[in-house]
PDB file of all heavy atoms in Angstrom:
ATOM      1  N   ALA A   1     118.634  84.430 174.988  1.00  0.00           N
ATOM      2  CA  ALA A   1     119.012  85.457 174.049  1.00  0.00           C
ATOM      3  C   ALA A   1     117.947  85.715 172.978  1.00  0.00           C
ATOM      4  O   ALA A   1     117.370  84.752 172.442  1.00  0.00           O
ATOM      5  CB  ALA A   1     120.301  84.992 173.331  1.00  0.00           C
ATOM      6  N   PRO A   2     117.685  87.022 172.711  1.00  0.00           N
ATOM      7  CA  PRO A   2     116.671  87.308 171.659  1.00  0.00           C
ATOM      8  C   PRO A   2     116.954  86.745 170.289  1.00  0.00           C
ATOM      9  O   PRO A   2     116.096  86.313 169.565  1.00  0.00           O
ATOM     10  CB  PRO A   2     116.627  88.846 171.642  1.00  0.00           C
ATOM     11  CG  PRO A   2     117.238  89.240 172.979  1.00  0.00           C
ATOM     12  CD  PRO A   2     118.164  88.176 173.367  1.00  0.00           C
ATOM     13  N   ALA A   3     118.287  86.642 169.987  1.00  0.00           N
ATOM     14  CA  ALA A   3     118.769  86.185 168.703  1.00  0.00           C
ATOM     15  C   ALA A   3     118.280  84.685 168.519  1.00  0.00           C
ATOM     16  O   ALA A   3     117.939  84.287 167.423  1.00  0.00           O
ATOM     17  CB  ALA A   3     120.206  86.308 168.550  1.00  0.00           C
ATOM     18  N   THR A   4     118.194  83.957 169.585  1.00  0.00           N
ATOM     19  CA  THR A   4     117.794  82.517 169.474  1.00  0.00           C
ATOM     20  C   THR A   4     116.381  82.377 168.972  1.00  0.00           C
ATOM     21  O   THR A   4     116.063  81.603 168.101  1.00  0.00           O
ATOM     22  CB  THR A   4     117.951  81.843 170.825  1.00  0.00           C
ATOM     23  OG1 THR A   4     119.375  81.932 171.232  1.00  0.00           O
ATOM     24  CG2 THR A   4     117.566  80.392 170.757  1.00  0.00           C
ATOM     25  N   ALA A   5     115.502  83.150 169.569  1.00  0.00           N
ATOM     26  CA  ALA A   5     114.085  83.081 169.137  1.00  0.00           C
ATOM     27  C   ALA A   5     113.887  83.610 167.740  1.00  0.00           C
ATOM     28  O   ALA A   5     113.114  82.972 166.920  1.00  0.00           O
ATOM     29  CB  ALA A   5     113.221  83.852 170.108  1.00  0.00           C
ATOM     30  N   ILE A   6     114.613  84.636 167.367  1.00  0.00           N
ATOM     31  CA  ILE A   6     114.495  85.216 166.071  1.00  0.00           C
ATOM     32  C   ILE A   6     114.957  84.215 164.967  1.00  0.00           C
ATOM     33  O   ILE A   6     114.280  84.041 163.988  1.00  0.00           O
ATOM     34  CB  ILE A   6     115.297  86.526 165.950  1.00  0.00           C
ATOM     35  CG1 ILE A   6     114.652  87.601 166.823  1.00  0.00           C
ATOM     36  CG2 ILE A   6     115.356  87.020 164.515  1.00  0.00           C
ATOM     37  CD1 ILE A   6     115.476  88.908 166.908  1.00  0.00           C
ATOM     38  N   VAL A   7     116.108  83.591 165.236  1.00  0.00           N
ATOM     39  CA  VAL A   7     116.683  82.755 164.221  1.00  0.00           C
ATOM     40  C   VAL A   7     115.947  81.395 164.204  1.00  0.00           C
ATOM     41  O   VAL A   7     115.529  81.001 163.119  1.00  0.00           O
ATOM     42  CB  VAL A   7     118.245  82.501 164.473  1.00  0.00           C
ATOM     43  CG1 VAL A   7     118.811  81.466 163.565  1.00  0.00           C
ATOM     44  CG2 VAL A   7     118.943  83.854 164.269  1.00  0.00           C
ATOM     45  N   ARG A   8     115.830  80.813 165.318  1.00  0.00           N
ATOM     46  CA  ARG A   8     115.322  79.411 165.282  1.00  0.00           C
ATOM     47  C   ARG A   8     113.805  79.280 165.129  1.00  0.00           C
ATOM     48  O   ARG A   8     113.304  78.303 164.472  1.00  0.00           O
ATOM     49  CB  ARG A   8     115.655  78.685 166.624  1.00  0.00           C
ATOM     50  CG  ARG A   8     117.228  78.596 166.783  1.00  0.00           C
ATOM     51  CD  ARG A   8     117.584  77.832 168.088  1.00  0.00           C
ATOM     52  NE  ARG A   8     117.173  76.428 168.095  1.00  0.00           N
ATOM     53  CZ  ARG A   8     117.962  75.514 167.635  1.00  0.00           C
ATOM     54  NH1 ARG A   8     119.148  75.764 167.169  1.00  0.00           N
ATOM     55  NH2 ARG A   8     117.589  74.211 167.597  1.00  0.00           N
ATOM     56  N   GLU A   9     113.051  80.267 165.579  1.00  0.00           N
ATOM     57  CA  GLU A   9     111.640  80.211 165.395  1.00  0.00           C
ATOM     58  C   GLU A   9     111.050  80.869 164.233  1.00  0.00           C
ATOM     59  O   GLU A   9     110.001  80.528 163.697  1.00  0.00           O
ATOM     60  CB  GLU A   9     110.962  80.760 166.734  1.00  0.00           C
ATOM     61  CG  GLU A   9     111.325  79.976 167.935  1.00  0.00           C
ATOM     62  CD  GLU A   9     110.674  80.555 169.154  1.00  0.00           C
ATOM     63  OE1 GLU A   9     109.756  81.422 169.034  1.00  0.00           O
ATOM     64  OE2 GLU A   9     111.058  80.202 170.292  1.00  0.00           O
ATOM     65  N   LEU A  10     111.693  81.966 163.714  1.00  0.00           N
ATOM     66  CA  LEU A  10     111.192  82.756 162.667  1.00  0.00           C
ATOM     67  C   LEU A  10     112.029  82.536 161.279  1.00  0.00           C
ATOM     68  O   LEU A  10     111.430  82.210 160.307  1.00  0.00           O
ATOM     69  CB  LEU A  10     111.212  84.207 162.988  1.00  0.00           C
ATOM     70  CG  LEU A  10     110.321  84.583 164.204  1.00  0.00           C
ATOM     71  CD1 LEU A  10     110.417  86.033 164.558  1.00  0.00           C
ATOM     72  CD2 LEU A  10     108.903  84.252 163.937  1.00  0.00           C
ATOM     73  N   ARG A  11     113.299  82.802 161.418  1.00  0.00           N
ATOM     74  CA  ARG A  11     114.046  82.862 160.133  1.00  0.00           C
ATOM     75  C   ARG A  11     114.583  81.463 159.691  1.00  0.00           C
ATOM     76  O   ARG A  11     114.695  81.292 158.422  1.00  0.00           O
ATOM     77  CB  ARG A  11     115.213  83.797 160.341  1.00  0.00           C
ATOM     78  CG  ARG A  11     114.852  85.257 160.542  1.00  0.00           C
ATOM     79  CD  ARG A  11     116.006  86.200 160.668  1.00  0.00           C
ATOM     80  NE  ARG A  11     115.535  87.510 160.990  1.00  0.00           N
ATOM     81  CZ  ARG A  11     116.320  88.518 161.339  1.00  0.00           C
ATOM     82  NH1 ARG A  11     117.648  88.308 161.393  1.00  0.00           N
ATOM     83  NH2 ARG A  11     115.871  89.699 161.698  1.00  0.00           N
ATOM     84  N   LEU A  12     114.938  80.602 160.584  1.00  0.00           N
ATOM     85  CA  LEU A  12     115.442  79.309 160.115  1.00  0.00           C
ATOM     86  C   LEU A  12     114.335  78.510 159.317  1.00  0.00           C
ATOM     87  O   LEU A  12     114.661  77.977 158.211  1.00  0.00           O
ATOM     88  CB  LEU A  12     115.940  78.509 161.293  1.00  0.00           C
ATOM     89  CG  LEU A  12     116.661  77.166 160.963  1.00  0.00           C
ATOM     90  CD1 LEU A  12     117.821  77.454 160.075  1.00  0.00           C
ATOM     91  CD2 LEU A  12     117.103  76.496 162.297  1.00  0.00           C
ATOM     92  N   PRO A  13     113.144  78.346 159.801  1.00  0.00           N
ATOM     93  CA  PRO A  13     112.126  77.616 158.983  1.00  0.00           C
ATOM     94  C   PRO A  13     111.863  78.283 157.683  1.00  0.00           C
ATOM     95  O   PRO A  13     111.773  77.577 156.622  1.00  0.00           O
ATOM     96  CB  PRO A  13     110.859  77.658 159.926  1.00  0.00           C
ATOM     97  CG  PRO A  13     111.392  77.836 161.240  1.00  0.00           C
ATOM     98  CD  PRO A  13     112.613  78.740 161.145  1.00  0.00           C
ATOM     99  N   ARG A  14     111.857  79.636 157.686  1.00  0.00           N
ATOM    100  CA  ARG A  14     111.699  80.383 156.420  1.00  0.00           C
ATOM    101  C   ARG A  14     112.843  80.197 155.402  1.00  0.00           C
ATOM    102  O   ARG A  14     112.597  79.962 154.206  1.00  0.00           O
ATOM    103  CB  ARG A  14     111.575  81.840 156.781  1.00  0.00           C
ATOM    104  CG  ARG A  14     111.343  82.801 155.568  1.00  0.00           C
ATOM    105  CD  ARG A  14     111.010  84.096 156.135  1.00  0.00           C
ATOM    106  NE  ARG A  14     110.769  85.101 155.073  1.00  0.00           N
ATOM    107  CZ  ARG A  14     110.203  86.277 155.271  1.00  0.00           C
ATOM    108  NH1 ARG A  14     109.914  86.680 156.465  1.00  0.00           N
ATOM    109  NH2 ARG A  14     109.973  87.158 154.299  1.00  0.00           N
ATOM    110  N   THR A  15     114.036  80.150 155.921  1.00  0.00           N
ATOM    111  CA  THR A  15     115.214  79.932 155.076  1.00  0.00           C
ATOM    112  C   THR A  15     115.244  78.553 154.471  1.00  0.00           C
ATOM    113  O   THR A  15     115.583  78.313 153.344  1.00  0.00           O
ATOM    114  CB  THR A  15     116.496  80.248 155.878  1.00  0.00           C
ATOM    115  OG1 THR A  15     116.443  81.570 156.358  1.00  0.00           O
ATOM    116  CG2 THR A  15     117.776  80.064 155.018  1.00  0.00           C
ATOM    117  N   VAL A  16     114.949  77.532 155.362  1.00  0.00           N
ATOM    118  CA  VAL A  16     114.905  76.147 154.914  1.00  0.00           C
ATOM    119  C   VAL A  16     113.862  75.962 153.803  1.00  0.00           C
ATOM    120  O   VAL A  16     114.192  75.336 152.705  1.00  0.00           O
ATOM    121  CB  VAL A  16     114.666  75.263 156.069  1.00  0.00           C
ATOM    122  CG1 VAL A  16     114.384  73.781 155.604  1.00  0.00           C
ATOM    123  CG2 VAL A  16     115.829  75.202 157.046  1.00  0.00           C
ATOM    124  N   LEU A  17     112.759  76.543 153.986  1.00  0.00           N
ATOM    125  CA  LEU A  17     111.716  76.426 152.954  1.00  0.00           C
ATOM    126  C   LEU A  17     112.108  77.144 151.673  1.00  0.00           C
ATOM    127  O   LEU A  17     111.905  76.712 150.548  1.00  0.00           O
ATOM    128  CB  LEU A  17     110.357  77.048 153.475  1.00  0.00           C
ATOM    129  CG  LEU A  17     109.169  76.988 152.521  1.00  0.00           C
ATOM    130  CD1 LEU A  17     108.809  75.574 152.186  1.00  0.00           C
ATOM    131  CD2 LEU A  17     107.979  77.666 153.105  1.00  0.00           C
ATOM    132  N   GLY A  18     112.797  78.322 151.863  1.00  0.00           N
ATOM    133  CA  GLY A  18     113.266  79.057 150.721  1.00  0.00           C
ATOM    134  C   GLY A  18     114.339  78.224 149.868  1.00  0.00           C
ATOM    135  O   GLY A  18     114.263  78.281 148.603  1.00  0.00           O
ATOM    136  N   VAL A  19     115.185  77.551 150.559  1.00  0.00           N
ATOM    137  CA  VAL A  19     116.159  76.678 149.912  1.00  0.00           C
ATOM    138  C   VAL A  19     115.418  75.545 149.134  1.00  0.00           C
ATOM    139  O   VAL A  19     115.732  75.287 147.907  1.00  0.00           O
ATOM    140  CB  VAL A  19     117.173  76.063 150.890  1.00  0.00           C
ATOM    141  CG1 VAL A  19     118.042  74.978 150.261  1.00  0.00           C
ATOM    142  CG2 VAL A  19     118.039  77.123 151.481  1.00  0.00           C
ATOM    143  N   LEU A  20     114.469  74.859 149.771  1.00  0.00           N
ATOM    144  CA  LEU A  20     113.704  73.829 149.192  1.00  0.00           C
ATOM    145  C   LEU A  20     112.947  74.315 147.910  1.00  0.00           C
ATOM    146  O   LEU A  20     113.014  73.653 146.819  1.00  0.00           O
ATOM    147  CB  LEU A  20     112.789  73.175 150.116  1.00  0.00           C
ATOM    148  CG  LEU A  20     113.419  72.355 151.284  1.00  0.00           C
ATOM    149  CD1 LEU A  20     112.313  71.875 152.225  1.00  0.00           C
ATOM    150  CD2 LEU A  20     114.169  71.171 150.713  1.00  0.00           C
ATOM    151  N   VAL A  21     112.243  75.369 148.043  1.00  0.00           N
ATOM    152  CA  VAL A  21     111.426  75.902 146.922  1.00  0.00           C
ATOM    153  C   VAL A  21     112.306  76.389 145.845  1.00  0.00           C
ATOM    154  O   VAL A  21     112.030  76.163 144.620  1.00  0.00           O
ATOM    155  CB  VAL A  21     110.494  77.030 147.445  1.00  0.00           C
ATOM    156  CG1 VAL A  21     109.762  77.725 146.327  1.00  0.00           C
ATOM    157  CG2 VAL A  21     109.463  76.459 148.352  1.00  0.00           C
ATOM    158  N   GLY A  22     113.401  77.053 146.161  1.00  0.00           N
ATOM    159  CA  GLY A  22     114.300  77.529 145.105  1.00  0.00           C
ATOM    160  C   GLY A  22     114.928  76.383 144.326  1.00  0.00           C
ATOM    161  O   GLY A  22     115.026  76.443 143.128  1.00  0.00           O
ATOM    162  N   LEU A  23     115.382  75.346 145.053  1.00  0.00           N
ATOM    163  CA  LEU A  23     115.902  74.167 144.353  1.00  0.00           C
ATOM    164  C   LEU A  23     114.935  73.533 143.446  1.00  0.00           C
ATOM    165  O   LEU A  23     115.220  73.213 142.297  1.00  0.00           O
ATOM    166  CB  LEU A  23     116.384  73.138 145.381  1.00  0.00           C
ATOM    167  CG  LEU A  23     117.633  73.413 146.220  1.00  0.00           C
ATOM    168  CD1 LEU A  23     117.782  72.400 147.363  1.00  0.00           C
ATOM    169  CD2 LEU A  23     118.849  73.451 145.380  1.00  0.00           C
ATOM    170  N   ALA A  24     113.664  73.489 143.944  1.00  0.00           N
ATOM    171  CA  ALA A  24     112.599  72.823 143.149  1.00  0.00           C
ATOM    172  C   ALA A  24     112.301  73.631 141.887  1.00  0.00           C
ATOM    173  O   ALA A  24     112.196  73.137 140.776  1.00  0.00           O
ATOM    174  CB  ALA A  24     111.343  72.699 144.033  1.00  0.00           C
ATOM    175  N   LEU A  25     112.143  74.957 142.062  1.00  0.00           N
ATOM    176  CA  LEU A  25     111.678  75.756 140.870  1.00  0.00           C
ATOM    177  C   LEU A  25     112.846  75.947 139.851  1.00  0.00           C
ATOM    178  O   LEU A  25     112.599  75.908 138.661  1.00  0.00           O
ATOM    179  CB  LEU A  25     111.257  77.168 141.371  1.00  0.00           C
ATOM    180  CG  LEU A  25     109.892  77.134 142.110  1.00  0.00           C
ATOM    181  CD1 LEU A  25     109.561  78.545 142.668  1.00  0.00           C
ATOM    182  CD2 LEU A  25     108.779  76.593 141.231  1.00  0.00           C
ATOM    183  N   GLY A  26     114.085  75.974 140.390  1.00  0.00           N
ATOM    184  CA  GLY A  26     115.173  76.026 139.429  1.00  0.00           C
ATOM    185  C   GLY A  26     115.353  74.815 138.616  1.00  0.00           C
ATOM    186  O   GLY A  26     115.494  74.877 137.354  1.00  0.00           O
ATOM    187  N   ALA A  27     115.225  73.636 139.274  1.00  0.00           N
ATOM    188  CA  ALA A  27     115.381  72.411 138.509  1.00  0.00           C
ATOM    189  C   ALA A  27     114.216  72.190 137.647  1.00  0.00           C
ATOM    190  O   ALA A  27     114.316  71.731 136.447  1.00  0.00           O
ATOM    191  CB  ALA A  27     115.478  71.218 139.513  1.00  0.00           C
ATOM    192  N   ALA A  28     112.967  72.521 138.033  1.00  0.00           N
ATOM    193  CA  ALA A  28     111.793  72.378 137.235  1.00  0.00           C
ATOM    194  C   ALA A  28     111.858  73.255 136.014  1.00  0.00           C
ATOM    195  O   ALA A  28     111.443  72.873 134.903  1.00  0.00           O
ATOM    196  CB  ALA A  28     110.505  72.709 138.097  1.00  0.00           C
ATOM    197  N   GLY A  29     112.420  74.486 136.145  1.00  0.00           N
ATOM    198  CA  GLY A  29     112.551  75.421 134.962  1.00  0.00           C
ATOM    199  C   GLY A  29     113.465  74.818 133.903  1.00  0.00           C
ATOM    200  O   GLY A  29     113.102  74.884 132.759  1.00  0.00           O
ATOM    201  N   ALA A  30     114.542  74.215 134.383  1.00  0.00           N
ATOM    202  CA  ALA A  30     115.522  73.608 133.382  1.00  0.00           C
ATOM    203  C   ALA A  30     114.839  72.435 132.675  1.00  0.00           C
ATOM    204  O   ALA A  30     114.989  72.216 131.518  1.00  0.00           O
ATOM    205  CB  ALA A  30     116.808  73.151 134.126  1.00  0.00           C
ATOM    206  N   LEU A  31     114.061  71.593 133.443  1.00  0.00           N
ATOM    207  CA  LEU A  31     113.328  70.480 132.861  1.00  0.00           C
ATOM    208  C   LEU A  31     112.299  70.868 131.837  1.00  0.00           C
ATOM    209  O   LEU A  31     112.237  70.348 130.733  1.00  0.00           O
ATOM    210  CB  LEU A  31     112.699  69.657 133.942  1.00  0.00           C
ATOM    211  CG  LEU A  31     113.622  68.733 134.790  1.00  0.00           C
ATOM    212  CD1 LEU A  31     112.850  68.152 135.945  1.00  0.00           C
ATOM    213  CD2 LEU A  31     114.199  67.636 133.932  1.00  0.00           C
ATOM    214  N   ILE A  32     111.445  71.872 132.194  1.00  0.00           N
ATOM    215  CA  ILE A  32     110.408  72.271 131.319  1.00  0.00           C
ATOM    216  C   ILE A  32     110.950  72.958 130.048  1.00  0.00           C
ATOM    217  O   ILE A  32     110.406  72.713 128.930  1.00  0.00           O
ATOM    218  CB  ILE A  32     109.393  73.233 131.989  1.00  0.00           C
ATOM    219  CG1 ILE A  32     108.126  73.350 131.147  1.00  0.00           C
ATOM    220  CG2 ILE A  32     109.981  74.539 132.340  1.00  0.00           C
ATOM    221  CD1 ILE A  32     107.303  72.040 130.946  1.00  0.00           C
ATOM    222  N   GLN A  33     112.068  73.667 130.140  1.00  0.00           N
ATOM    223  CA  GLN A  33     112.612  74.310 128.962  1.00  0.00           C
ATOM    224  C   GLN A  33     113.234  73.274 128.060  1.00  0.00           C
ATOM    225  O   GLN A  33     113.153  73.340 126.804  1.00  0.00           O
ATOM    226  CB  GLN A  33     113.671  75.365 129.348  1.00  0.00           C
ATOM    227  CG  GLN A  33     112.985  76.630 129.937  1.00  0.00           C
ATOM    228  CD  GLN A  33     113.997  77.687 130.373  1.00  0.00           C
ATOM    229  OE1 GLN A  33     115.122  77.561 129.977  1.00  0.00           O
ATOM    230  NE2 GLN A  33     113.528  78.702 131.041  1.00  0.00           N
ATOM    231  N   GLY A  34     113.807  72.191 128.694  1.00  0.00           N
ATOM    232  CA  GLY A  34     114.359  71.112 127.914  1.00  0.00           C
ATOM    233  C   GLY A  34     113.359  70.304 127.183  1.00  0.00           C
ATOM    234  O   GLY A  34     113.441  69.914 125.983  1.00  0.00           O
ATOM    235  N   HIS A  35     112.267  69.932 127.902  1.00  0.00           N
ATOM    236  CA  HIS A  35     111.284  69.045 127.360  1.00  0.00           C
ATOM    237  C   HIS A  35     110.392  69.816 126.278  1.00  0.00           C
ATOM    238  O   HIS A  35     109.903  69.089 125.358  1.00  0.00           O
ATOM    239  CB  HIS A  35     110.357  68.448 128.443  1.00  0.00           C
ATOM    240  CG  HIS A  35     110.920  67.269 129.104  1.00  0.00           C
ATOM    241  ND1 HIS A  35     110.915  65.981 128.558  1.00  0.00           N
ATOM    242  CD2 HIS A  35     111.552  67.153 130.301  1.00  0.00           C
ATOM    243  CE1 HIS A  35     111.505  65.131 129.333  1.00  0.00           C
ATOM    244  NE2 HIS A  35     111.875  65.767 130.414  1.00  0.00           N
ATOM    245  N   THR A  36     110.191  71.026 126.472  1.00  0.00           N
ATOM    246  CA  THR A  36     109.320  71.758 125.511  1.00  0.00           C
ATOM    247  C   THR A  36     110.229  72.387 124.371  1.00  0.00           C
ATOM    248  O   THR A  36     109.689  72.848 123.359  1.00  0.00           O
ATOM    249  CB  THR A  36     108.524  72.873 126.168  1.00  0.00           C
ATOM    250  OG1 THR A  36     109.354  73.821 126.707  1.00  0.00           O
ATOM    251  CG2 THR A  36     107.568  72.241 127.149  1.00  0.00           C
ATOM    252  N   ARG A  37     111.507  72.404 124.586  1.00  0.00           N
ATOM    253  CA  ARG A  37     112.440  73.138 123.688  1.00  0.00           C
ATOM    254  C   ARG A  37     111.962  74.572 123.422  1.00  0.00           C
ATOM    255  O   ARG A  37     112.044  75.054 122.358  1.00  0.00           O
ATOM    256  CB  ARG A  37     112.595  72.323 122.387  1.00  0.00           C
ATOM    257  CG  ARG A  37     113.427  71.049 122.550  1.00  0.00           C
ATOM    258  CD  ARG A  37     113.734  70.385 121.202  1.00  0.00           C
ATOM    259  NE  ARG A  37     112.597  69.687 120.719  1.00  0.00           N
ATOM    260  CZ  ARG A  37     112.425  69.303 119.385  1.00  0.00           C
ATOM    261  NH1 ARG A  37     113.365  69.601 118.503  1.00  0.00           N
ATOM    262  NH2 ARG A  37     111.374  68.610 119.100  1.00  0.00           N
TER     263      ARG A  37
END
């Protein structure tokens, strides 16, 4: 199925990375605003 290659090889790694980076930058933003006030 074409959808398998599209999702598993292209979009799934990109989405997983997006989740990780978004979690990281969101939490880092809260930390830096708190520590620097």
